[in-house]
Amino acid sequence: MQSNKKLKPFSMLGVVISDKMNKTRIVAVEKVIKHPKYQKMVKKIKKYKVHDEANKTHINDIVEIVLTRPLSKGKNWRISNVVGQVSINAHAEDTL
């Protein structure tokens, strides 16, 4: 999910993990942070509800999301563009 290109302010890259809702996707954003006490790198995954007006994204798509006005109670993000797709084998290795 890491990219060399510079992202716009208030934007993130993530992977679509659910496309069951109409015009809404759930996107998982992974961040790597250093633990404050043990100084070890730790992966943190946060899930966001994201607006997808055209229902064009599906599971395993890598998308760029940007902050927007509140669209519903829990939806403050929208998809700005689709970057690519996660290969199934690489995604399966991460979950093991």
Protein backbone atom coordinates (compact mmCIF):
# COMPACT_ATOMS: atom_id res chain seq x y z
CA MET A 1 0.00 0.00 0.00
CA GLN A 2 3.02 2.30 0.14
CA SER A 3 3.66 4.57 -2.81
CA ASN A 4 6.53 6.82 -3.83
CA LYS A 5 4.26 9.60 -5.09
CA LYS A 6 3.46 12.47 -2.76
CA LEU A 7 -0.15 12.40 -1.57
CA LYS A 8 -2.36 15.45 -1.24
CA PRO A 9 -3.13 16.76 2.25
CA PHE A 10 -5.85 14.77 3.99
CA SER A 11 -5.50 11.82 1.62
CA MET A 12 -4.47 8.20 2.18
CA LEU A 13 -3.95 4.99 0.27
CA GLY A 14 -5.91 1.91 1.31
CA VAL A 15 -7.39 -1.39 0.18
CA VAL A 16 -11.12 -1.97 -0.31
CA ILE A 17 -12.12 -4.80 2.04
CA SER A 18 -15.92 -4.65 1.63
CA ASP A 19 -18.20 -3.59 -1.20
CA LYS A 20 -21.53 -4.88 0.10
CA MET A 21 -23.18 -1.50 0.71
CA ASN A 22 -24.62 0.72 -2.01
CA LYS A 23 -22.33 3.72 -2.74
CA THR A 24 -20.20 2.90 0.32
CA ARG A 25 -16.97 0.95 0.59
CA ILE A 26 -14.93 -0.01 3.63
CA VAL A 27 -11.25 0.75 3.12
CA ALA A 28 -8.43 -0.51 5.34
CA VAL A 29 -5.49 1.88 5.72
CA GLU A 30 -2.27 0.43 7.11
CA LYS A 31 0.22 2.60 8.98
CA VAL A 32 3.58 1.54 10.36
CA ILE A 33 4.51 3.32 13.59
CA LYS A 34 7.27 2.92 16.14
CA HIS A 35 6.15 1.65 19.54
CA PRO A 36 6.91 4.38 22.10
CA LYS A 37 8.40 2.09 24.74
CA TYR A 38 9.89 -0.87 22.86
CA GLN A 39 10.98 1.03 19.71
CA LYS A 40 9.68 -1.78 17.49
CA MET A 41 7.83 -1.06 14.25
CA VAL A 42 4.15 -2.01 14.60
CA LYS A 43 1.46 -2.20 11.91
CA LYS A 44 -1.78 -0.41 12.70
CA ILE A 45 -4.83 -0.97 10.49
CA LYS A 46 -7.79 1.39 10.59
CA LYS A 47 -11.01 0.96 8.64
CA TYR A 48 -12.87 3.87 7.07
CA LYS A 49 -16.30 4.09 5.44
CA VAL A 50 -15.75 5.73 2.06
CA HIS A 51 -18.22 7.16 -0.47
CA ASP A 52 -18.13 5.63 -3.97
CA GLU A 53 -20.80 7.34 -6.06
CA ALA A 54 -20.52 5.07 -9.13
CA ASN A 55 -20.02 1.75 -7.28
CA LYS A 56 -16.95 1.19 -9.47
CA THR A 57 -14.53 -0.25 -6.90
CA HIS A 58 -14.48 -3.81 -5.65
CA ILE A 59 -12.67 -5.90 -3.06
CA ASN A 60 -8.82 -5.82 -3.28
CA ASP A 61 -8.71 -2.52 -5.20
CA ILE A 62 -6.07 -0.06 -3.99
CA VAL A 63 -7.67 3.37 -3.77
CA GLU A 64 -6.73 6.89 -2.77
CA ILE A 65 -9.24 8.45 -0.38
CA VAL A 66 -9.62 12.13 0.46
CA LEU A 67 -11.32 13.89 3.34
CA THR A 68 -14.65 15.53 2.52
CA ARG A 69 -17.64 17.01 4.31
CA PRO A 70 -19.70 14.60 6.44
CA LEU A 71 -21.88 12.53 4.11
CA SER A 72 -23.49 10.47 6.87
CA LYS A 73 -22.90 9.64 10.52
CA GLY A 74 -19.72 7.66 9.90
CA LYS A 75 -18.73 8.59 6.35
CA ASN A 76 -16.34 11.55 5.91
CA TRP A 77 -14.16 10.21 3.09
CA ARG A 78 -14.58 9.71 -0.66
CA ILE A 79 -12.60 7.83 -3.30
CA SER A 80 -10.53 10.14 -5.49
CA ASN A 81 -8.99 7.51 -7.79
CA VAL A 82 -8.25 3.81 -8.16
CA VAL A 83 -4.51 3.12 -8.06
CA GLY A 84 -4.46 -0.61 -8.78
CA GLN A 85 -5.37 -4.00 -7.45
CA VAL A 86 -3.82 -6.20 -4.77
CA SER A 87 -2.67 -9.57 -6.03
CA ILE A 88 -4.48 -12.42 -4.28
CA ASN A 89 -1.25 -14.25 -3.31
CA ALA A 90 0.35 -11.19 -1.71
CA HIS A 91 -2.82 -10.46 0.27
CA ALA A 92 -3.03 -14.09 1.47
CA GLU A 93 0.58 -13.98 2.75
CA ASP A 94 -0.15 -10.85 4.82
CA THR A 95 -3.04 -12.50 6.61
CA LEU A 96 -0.97 -15.53 7.73
